[in-house]
C-alpha atoms as a PDB file:
ATOM      1  CA  MET A   1       4.583 -37.165  22.977  1.00  0.00           C
ATOM      2  CA  PRO A   2       8.407 -36.181  21.565  1.00  0.00           C
ATOM      3  CA  ARG A   3       9.321 -32.646  21.051  1.00  0.00           C
ATOM      4  CA  PRO A   4       9.063 -32.298  17.410  1.00  0.00           C
ATOM      5  CA  ARG A   5      12.764 -32.238  15.779  1.00  0.00           C
ATOM      6  CA  SER A   6      13.901 -28.328  15.120  1.00  0.00           C
ATOM      7  CA  PHE A   7      16.312 -27.865  11.911  1.00  0.00           C
ATOM      8  CA  THR A   8      18.612 -24.534  10.619  1.00  0.00           C
ATOM      9  CA  SER A   9      18.597 -23.586   7.241  1.00  0.00           C
ATOM     10  CA  ALA A  10      21.928 -24.805   6.847  1.00  0.00           C
ATOM     11  CA  GLN A  11      20.711 -28.716   7.577  1.00  0.00           C
ATOM     12  CA  ILE A  12      17.662 -28.303   5.501  1.00  0.00           C
ATOM     13  CA  ALA A  13      19.976 -26.495   2.619  1.00  0.00           C
ATOM     14  CA  ALA A  14      22.603 -29.608   3.201  1.00  0.00           C
ATOM     15  CA  ALA A  15      20.121 -32.330   3.078  1.00  0.00           C
ATOM     16  CA  ALA A  16      18.270 -30.736  -0.084  1.00  0.00           C
ATOM     17  CA  LEU A  17      22.004 -30.926  -1.745  1.00  0.00           C
ATOM     18  CA  ALA A  18      22.491 -34.367  -0.343  1.00  0.00           C
ATOM     19  CA  VAL A  19      18.983 -35.338  -2.891  1.00  0.00           C
ATOM     20  CA  LEU A  20      20.646 -33.046  -5.577  1.00  0.00           C
ATOM     21  CA  ASP A  21      23.749 -34.950  -5.656  1.00  0.00           C
ATOM     22  CA  ARG A  22      22.270 -38.380  -5.536  1.00  0.00           C
ATOM     23  CA  ASP A  23      18.894 -38.179  -7.364  1.00  0.00           C
ATOM     24  CA  GLY A  24      19.118 -35.244  -9.650  1.00  0.00           C
ATOM     25  CA  LEU A  25      16.943 -32.534  -9.903  1.00  0.00           C
ATOM     26  CA  GLU A  26      13.657 -34.508 -10.823  1.00  0.00           C
ATOM     27  CA  GLY A  27      14.470 -36.132  -7.406  1.00  0.00           C
ATOM     28  CA  LEU A  28      13.992 -33.037  -5.498  1.00  0.00           C
ATOM     29  CA  SER A  29      10.943 -32.465  -3.698  1.00  0.00           C
ATOM     30  CA  MET A  30       9.669 -31.578   0.091  1.00  0.00           C
ATOM     31  CA  ARG A  31       9.100 -35.217   0.445  1.00  0.00           C
ATOM     32  CA  ALA A  32      12.476 -36.374  -0.586  1.00  0.00           C
ATOM     33  CA  VAL A  33      14.193 -33.551   1.413  1.00  0.00           C
ATOM     34  CA  GLY A  34      11.879 -34.683   4.648  1.00  0.00           C
ATOM     35  CA  LYS A  35      12.882 -38.153   4.457  1.00  0.00           C
ATOM     36  CA  GLU A  36      16.385 -37.286   4.048  1.00  0.00           C
ATOM     37  CA  LEU A  37      16.033 -34.975   7.846  1.00  0.00           C
ATOM     38  CA  GLY A  38      14.041 -37.953   9.195  1.00  0.00           C
ATOM     39  CA  THR A  39      11.009 -35.866   9.880  1.00  0.00           C
ATOM     40  CA  ALA A  40       7.294 -35.751   7.725  1.00  0.00           C
ATOM     41  CA  THR A  41       7.015 -33.653   4.599  1.00  0.00           C
ATOM     42  CA  MET A  42       4.512 -31.476   6.624  1.00  0.00           C
ATOM     43  CA  ALA A  43       7.115 -30.797   9.046  1.00  0.00           C
ATOM     44  CA  LEU A  44       9.335 -29.169   6.535  1.00  0.00           C
ATOM     45  CA  TYR A  45       6.855 -26.618   5.800  1.00  0.00           C
ATOM     46  CA  ARG A  46       7.619 -25.204   9.161  1.00  0.00           C
ATOM     47  CA  TYR A  47      10.597 -23.875   7.794  1.00  0.00           C
ATOM     48  CA  VAL A  48      10.372 -23.455   3.797  1.00  0.00           C
ATOM     49  CA  ALA A  49       7.410 -22.091   1.974  1.00  0.00           C
ATOM     50  CA  ASP A  50       7.763 -24.453  -1.029  1.00  0.00           C
ATOM     51  CA  ARG A  51      10.430 -26.068  -3.155  1.00  0.00           C
ATOM     52  CA  ALA A  52      11.254 -22.814  -5.187  1.00  0.00           C
ATOM     53  CA  GLN A  53      12.666 -21.659  -1.608  1.00  0.00           C
ATOM     54  CA  LEU A  54      14.078 -25.138  -1.379  1.00  0.00           C
ATOM     55  CA  GLU A  55      15.903 -24.656  -4.455  1.00  0.00           C
ATOM     56  CA  ALA A  56      17.216 -21.466  -3.566  1.00  0.00           C
ATOM     57  CA  LEU A  57      18.533 -22.430  -0.260  1.00  0.00           C
ATOM     58  CA  VAL A  58      20.766 -24.815  -2.285  1.00  0.00           C
ATOM     59  CA  VAL A  59      21.562 -22.275  -4.656  1.00  0.00           C
ATOM     60  CA  ASP A  60      23.030 -20.115  -1.864  1.00  0.00           C
ATOM     61  CA  LEU A  61      24.764 -23.335   0.051  1.00  0.00           C
ATOM     62  CA  VAL A  62      26.550 -24.255  -3.139  1.00  0.00           C
ATOM     63  CA  LEU A  63      27.811 -20.820  -4.501  1.00  0.00           C
ATOM     64  CA  GLY A  64      28.507 -20.488  -0.966  1.00  0.00           C
ATOM     65  CA  LEU A  65      31.401 -22.449  -1.358  1.00  0.00           C
ATOM     66  CA  VAL A  66      33.050 -19.607  -3.898  1.00  0.00           C
ATOM     67  CA  ASP A  67      35.390 -17.538  -2.722  1.00  0.00           C
ATOM     68  CA  PRO A  68      34.287 -14.092  -2.637  1.00  0.00           C
ATOM     69  CA  ALA A  69      37.693 -12.482  -1.626  1.00  0.00           C
ATOM     70  CA  LEU A  70      39.322 -10.442  -4.848  1.00  0.00           C
ATOM     71  CA  PRO A  71      42.118 -11.615  -6.021  1.00  0.00           C
ATOM     72  CA  ALA A  72      45.394  -9.777  -7.271  1.00  0.00           C
ATOM     73  CA  GLY A  73      46.459  -9.431 -10.713  1.00  0.00           C
ATOM     74  CA  SER A  74      45.224  -7.565 -13.645  1.00  0.00           C
ATOM     75  CA  LEU A  75      41.609  -7.752 -14.930  1.00  0.00           C
ATOM     76  CA  THR A  76      42.215 -10.413 -16.759  1.00  0.00           C
ATOM     77  CA  GLU A  77      43.704 -12.616 -13.945  1.00  0.00           C
ATOM     78  CA  ARG A  78      41.267 -11.502 -11.073  1.00  0.00           C
ATOM     79  CA  LEU A  79      38.111 -12.129 -13.631  1.00  0.00           C
ATOM     80  CA  THR A  80      39.826 -15.724 -14.544  1.00  0.00           C
ATOM     81  CA  VAL A  81      40.278 -16.661 -11.063  1.00  0.00           C
ATOM     82  CA  LEU A  82      36.619 -15.766 -10.291  1.00  0.00           C
ATOM     83  CA  ALA A  83      35.279 -17.672 -12.787  1.00  0.00           C
ATOM     84  CA  GLU A  84      37.064 -20.727 -12.280  1.00  0.00           C
ATOM     85  CA  ARG A  85      36.282 -20.415  -8.338  1.00  0.00           C
ATOM     86  CA  VAL A  86      32.479 -20.931  -9.777  1.00  0.00           C
ATOM     87  CA  ARG A  87      32.810 -23.262 -11.806  1.00  0.00           C
ATOM     88  CA  GLN A  88      35.204 -25.669  -9.281  1.00  0.00           C
ATOM     89  CA  ALA A  89      32.472 -25.029  -6.541  1.00  0.00           C
ATOM     90  CA  VAL A  90      29.122 -25.934  -9.181  1.00  0.00           C
ATOM     91  CA  GLY A  91      31.329 -29.085 -10.922  1.00  0.00           C
ATOM     92  CA  GLU A  92      31.216 -31.046  -7.624  1.00  0.00           C
ATOM     93  CA  HIS A  93      27.280 -30.282  -7.803  1.00  0.00           C
ATOM     94  CA  SER A  94      26.469 -30.383 -11.190  1.00  0.00           C
ATOM     95  CA  ALA A  95      22.875 -31.254 -11.001  1.00  0.00           C
ATOM     96  CA  VAL A  96      22.400 -27.646  -9.301  1.00  0.00           C
ATOM     97  CA  VAL A  97      23.103 -25.834 -12.704  1.00  0.00           C
ATOM     98  CA  PRO A  98      19.365 -25.461 -13.847  1.00  0.00           C
ATOM     99  CA  LEU A  99      19.051 -23.871 -10.925  1.00  0.00           C
ATOM    100  CA  LEU A 100      21.649 -21.180 -10.860  1.00  0.00           C
ATOM    101  CA  LEU A 101      20.144 -18.132 -12.977  1.00  0.00           C
ATOM    102  CA  VAL A 102      16.747 -18.895 -11.527  1.00  0.00           C
ATOM    103  CA  HIS A 103      17.858 -18.169  -8.257  1.00  0.00           C
ATOM    104  CA  ARG A 104      21.127 -15.975  -8.229  1.00  0.00           C
ATOM    105  CA  HIS A 105      18.882 -12.552  -7.448  1.00  0.00           C
ATOM    106  CA  THR A 106      17.986 -14.130  -3.975  1.00  0.00           C
ATOM    107  CA  SER A 107      21.707 -15.604  -2.766  1.00  0.00           C
ATOM    108  CA  ALA A 108      23.109 -13.980  -0.774  1.00  0.00           C
ATOM    109  CA  ALA A 109      26.575 -15.551  -1.795  1.00  0.00           C
ATOM    110  CA  SER A 110      25.872 -15.209  -5.758  1.00  0.00           C
ATOM    111  CA  GLN A 111      25.776 -11.479  -4.594  1.00  0.00           C
ATOM    112  CA  ARG A 112      28.923 -11.423  -2.416  1.00  0.00           C
ATOM    113  CA  TRP A 113      30.523 -13.217  -5.697  1.00  0.00           C
ATOM    114  CA  GLY A 114      29.129 -10.134  -7.946  1.00  0.00           C
ATOM    115  CA  GLU A 115      30.117  -7.759  -5.940  1.00  0.00           C
ATOM    116  CA  ALA A 116      33.754  -9.346  -6.047  1.00  0.00           C
ATOM    117  CA  VAL A 117      33.826  -9.116  -9.889  1.00  0.00           C
ATOM    118  CA  LEU A 118      32.122  -5.252 -10.348  1.00  0.00           C
ATOM    119  CA  THR A 119      34.508  -4.548  -7.789  1.00  0.00           C
ATOM    120  CA  ALA A 120      37.472  -5.405 -10.191  1.00  0.00           C
ATOM    121  CA  LEU A 121      35.209  -3.985 -13.134  1.00  0.00           C
ATOM    122  CA  ALA A 122      35.180  -0.624 -11.422  1.00  0.00           C
ATOM    123  CA  GLU A 123      39.124  -0.721 -10.538  1.00  0.00           C
ATOM    124  CA  ALA A 124      39.878  -1.432 -13.786  1.00  0.00           C
ATOM    125  CA  GLY A 125      38.383   1.580 -14.695  1.00  0.00           C
ATOM    126  CA  PHE A 126      34.697   0.234 -16.009  1.00  0.00           C
ATOM    127  CA  THR A 127      31.762   2.494 -14.970  1.00  0.00           C
ATOM    128  CA  GLY A 128      28.314   3.217 -15.534  1.00  0.00           C
ATOM    129  CA  ARG A 129      26.567   1.837 -18.729  1.00  0.00           C
ATOM    130  CA  ARG A 130      30.067   0.069 -19.458  1.00  0.00           C
ATOM    131  CA  ARG A 131      30.280  -1.850 -16.679  1.00  0.00           C
ATOM    132  CA  VAL A 132      26.654  -3.149 -16.856  1.00  0.00           C
ATOM    133  CA  ILE A 133      27.431  -4.631 -19.914  1.00  0.00           C
ATOM    134  CA  ALA A 134      30.567  -5.915 -19.226  1.00  0.00           C
ATOM    135  CA  PHE A 135      29.308  -7.439 -15.961  1.00  0.00           C
ATOM    136  CA  ARG A 136      26.320  -9.123 -17.541  1.00  0.00           C
ATOM    137  CA  ALA A 137      28.329 -10.204 -20.786  1.00  0.00           C
ATOM    138  CA  TYR A 138      30.845 -12.045 -17.983  1.00  0.00           C
ATOM    139  CA  LEU A 139      27.901 -13.630 -16.434  1.00  0.00           C
ATOM    140  CA  SER A 140      26.101 -14.541 -19.128  1.00  0.00           C
ATOM    141  CA  LEU A 141      29.693 -16.541 -20.391  1.00  0.00           C
ATOM    142  CA  VAL A 142      30.224 -18.081 -16.548  1.00  0.00           C
ATOM    143  CA  LEU A 143      26.786 -19.041 -16.326  1.00  0.00           C
ATOM    144  CA  GLY A 144      25.897 -19.948 -19.622  1.00  0.00           C
ATOM    145  CA  ALA A 145      29.052 -21.948 -20.626  1.00  0.00           C
ATOM    146  CA  LEU A 146      28.104 -24.237 -16.987  1.00  0.00           C
ATOM    147  CA  GLN A 147      24.136 -24.381 -18.456  1.00  0.00           C
ATOM    148  CA  THR A 148      25.941 -25.256 -22.186  1.00  0.00           C
ATOM    149  CA  GLU A 149      28.330 -28.224 -20.549  1.00  0.00           C
ATOM    150  CA  TYR A 150      25.523 -29.650 -18.351  1.00  0.00           C
ATOM    151  CA  TYR A 151      22.533 -29.674 -21.253  1.00  0.00           C
ATOM    152  CA  SER A 152      24.975 -30.040 -24.356  1.00  0.00           C
ATOM    153  CA  PRO A 153      27.962 -31.334 -23.473  1.00  0.00           C
ATOM    154  CA  LEU A 154      30.965 -31.443 -26.497  1.00  0.00           C
ATOM    155  CA  SER A 155      30.751 -35.378 -26.363  1.00  0.00           C
ATOM    156  CA  GLY A 156      27.760 -37.410 -26.638  1.00  0.00           C
ATOM    157  CA  PRO A 157      24.731 -38.749 -28.517  1.00  0.00           C
ATOM    158  CA  GLY A 158      23.678 -35.424 -29.444  1.00  0.00           C
ATOM    159  CA  THR A 159      27.217 -34.222 -30.867  1.00  0.00           C
ATOM    160  CA  GLU A 160      27.837 -37.565 -32.414  1.00  0.00           C
ATOM    161  CA  ALA A 161      23.964 -37.233 -34.324  1.00  0.00           C
ATOM    162  CA  LEU A 162      25.238 -33.918 -35.610  1.00  0.00           C
ATOM    163  CA  SER A 163      28.657 -34.984 -36.939  1.00  0.00           C
ATOM    164  CA  GLU A 164      27.123 -37.697 -38.763  1.00  0.00           C
ATOM    165  CA  GLN A 165      24.278 -35.631 -40.805  1.00  0.00           C
ATOM    166  CA  ASP A 166      24.731 -34.465 -44.352  1.00  0.00           C
ATOM    167  CA  GLU A 167      22.529 -31.859 -44.719  1.00  0.00           C
ATOM    168  CA  PHE A 168      24.461 -29.129 -42.805  1.00  0.00           C
ATOM    169  CA  PRO A 169      28.088 -29.906 -43.374  1.00  0.00           C
ATOM    170  CA  VAL A 170      29.830 -26.858 -41.745  1.00  0.00           C
ATOM    171  CA  LEU A 171      27.894 -27.957 -38.410  1.00  0.00           C
ATOM    172  CA  ALA A 172      29.025 -31.765 -38.852  1.00  0.00           C
ATOM    173  CA  GLU A 173      32.412 -30.638 -39.304  1.00  0.00           C
ATOM    174  CA  THR A 174      32.274 -28.729 -36.377  1.00  0.00           C
ATOM    175  CA  ALA A 175      30.493 -31.076 -34.359  1.00  0.00           C
ATOM    176  CA  ARG A 176      33.554 -33.840 -35.280  1.00  0.00           C
ATOM    177  CA  ALA A 177      35.840 -31.064 -33.568  1.00  0.00           C
ATOM    178  CA  ALA A 178      33.796 -30.630 -30.732  1.00  0.00           C
ATOM    179  CA  GLY A 179      34.302 -34.060 -29.291  1.00  0.00           C
ATOM    180  CA  LYS A 180      38.337 -33.496 -28.953  1.00  0.00           C
ATOM    181  CA  ILE A 181      37.594 -30.567 -27.127  1.00  0.00           C
ATOM    182  CA  ARG A 182      37.695 -31.252 -23.127  1.00  0.00           C
ATOM    183  CA  ALA A 183      35.125 -29.070 -20.933  1.00  0.00           C
ATOM    184  CA  GLU A 184      37.312 -27.308 -19.206  1.00  0.00           C
ATOM    185  CA  GLU A 185      39.370 -26.288 -22.399  1.00  0.00           C
ATOM    186  CA  GLU A 186      35.978 -24.819 -23.825  1.00  0.00           C
ATOM    187  CA  PHE A 187      35.306 -22.647 -20.666  1.00  0.00           C
ATOM    188  CA  ARG A 188      38.721 -21.205 -20.341  1.00  0.00           C
ATOM    189  CA  GLU A 189      39.146 -20.738 -24.122  1.00  0.00           C
ATOM    190  CA  GLY A 190      35.667 -19.107 -24.035  1.00  0.00           C
ATOM    191  CA  LEU A 191      36.413 -16.663 -21.191  1.00  0.00           C
ATOM    192  CA  ALA A 192      39.792 -15.919 -22.476  1.00  0.00           C
ATOM    193  CA  LEU A 193      37.714 -14.824 -25.659  1.00  0.00           C
ATOM    194  CA  LEU A 194      35.706 -12.849 -24.282  1.00  0.00           C
ATOM    195  CA  LEU A 195      38.034 -11.353 -21.955  1.00  0.00           C
ATOM    196  CA  ARG A 196      40.427 -10.278 -24.801  1.00  0.00           C
ATOM    197  CA  GLY A 197      37.186  -8.297 -25.824  1.00  0.00           C
ATOM    198  CA  LEU A 198      36.935  -6.370 -22.327  1.00  0.00           C
ATOM    199  CA  THR A 199      40.050  -5.697 -22.104  1.00  0.00           C
ATOM    200  CA  GLY A 200      41.388  -4.793 -25.927  1.00  0.00           C
ATOM    201  CA  ALA A 201      41.479  -1.745 -27.743  1.00  0.00           C
ATOM    202  CA  GLY A 202      43.070   0.133 -24.698  1.00  0.00           C
ATOM    203  CA  LYS A 203      39.518  -0.138 -23.307  1.00  0.00           C
ATOM    204  CA  ALA A 204      41.189  -1.304 -19.348  1.00  0.00           C
ATOM    205  CA  PRO A 205      44.274  -2.754 -18.237  1.00  0.00           C
END
C-alpha cells in the first residue's frame, strides 16, 4: 500500500489560495482543496481541523506577502506606505477580502504588520488610549475600504441604480459622482483624510 502523502501548512495554504483565486470564496472547501492537492478530502483533516482553519491559513499566506518593515519618513508617509502594501497584496487575491477581519487576530503576518503600524504611532508620540483609537481608526479605514471596494464598488449595477432613483436626490447625485472615481483614488484620498485628522492640530508630526 502506498504511503499517504505529507503536506506542509504552506502547501495547504497555497492550494487553498489557488482555489480561492479561481473559484471565489463560495468555491473554497475542504473537498476542493483536497482535489487541488491530489488527495482525498478526509486525508486533509490530518492537517487542518475545519474550513475555518483553512481560511486562516489563506489569510496568513496573503498577508505574508505584505512587507512588515517599518518605512522611513513622517507618520503620514509611514502609514500611507503600510496601507498601500496591504492593498497591493490583497488586490492580487481579492476573494480573500471577506476573510481578513475574521481571521486577522490569528494571523502572525497580520500581527507583524500591526506591530509596524503601532511602532510608527508610538514613535510619533501616540500612547495609551490615544494610540488604541488611532490604530483602530486606521485599521477600520484600511480593511473597511477593501471591504467596501469588494462588496460595493464605485461603478456597477448598484451605483447605477442609486444614481437613477428619484426619492433621494443627494444620494443619486453622489452615486453619479462616484462612478467617475477610481478605486485607488477612493482608497488613497480616504486614507489621506484620516491621516490629516490623526496628525492635525499639532497632536503628532
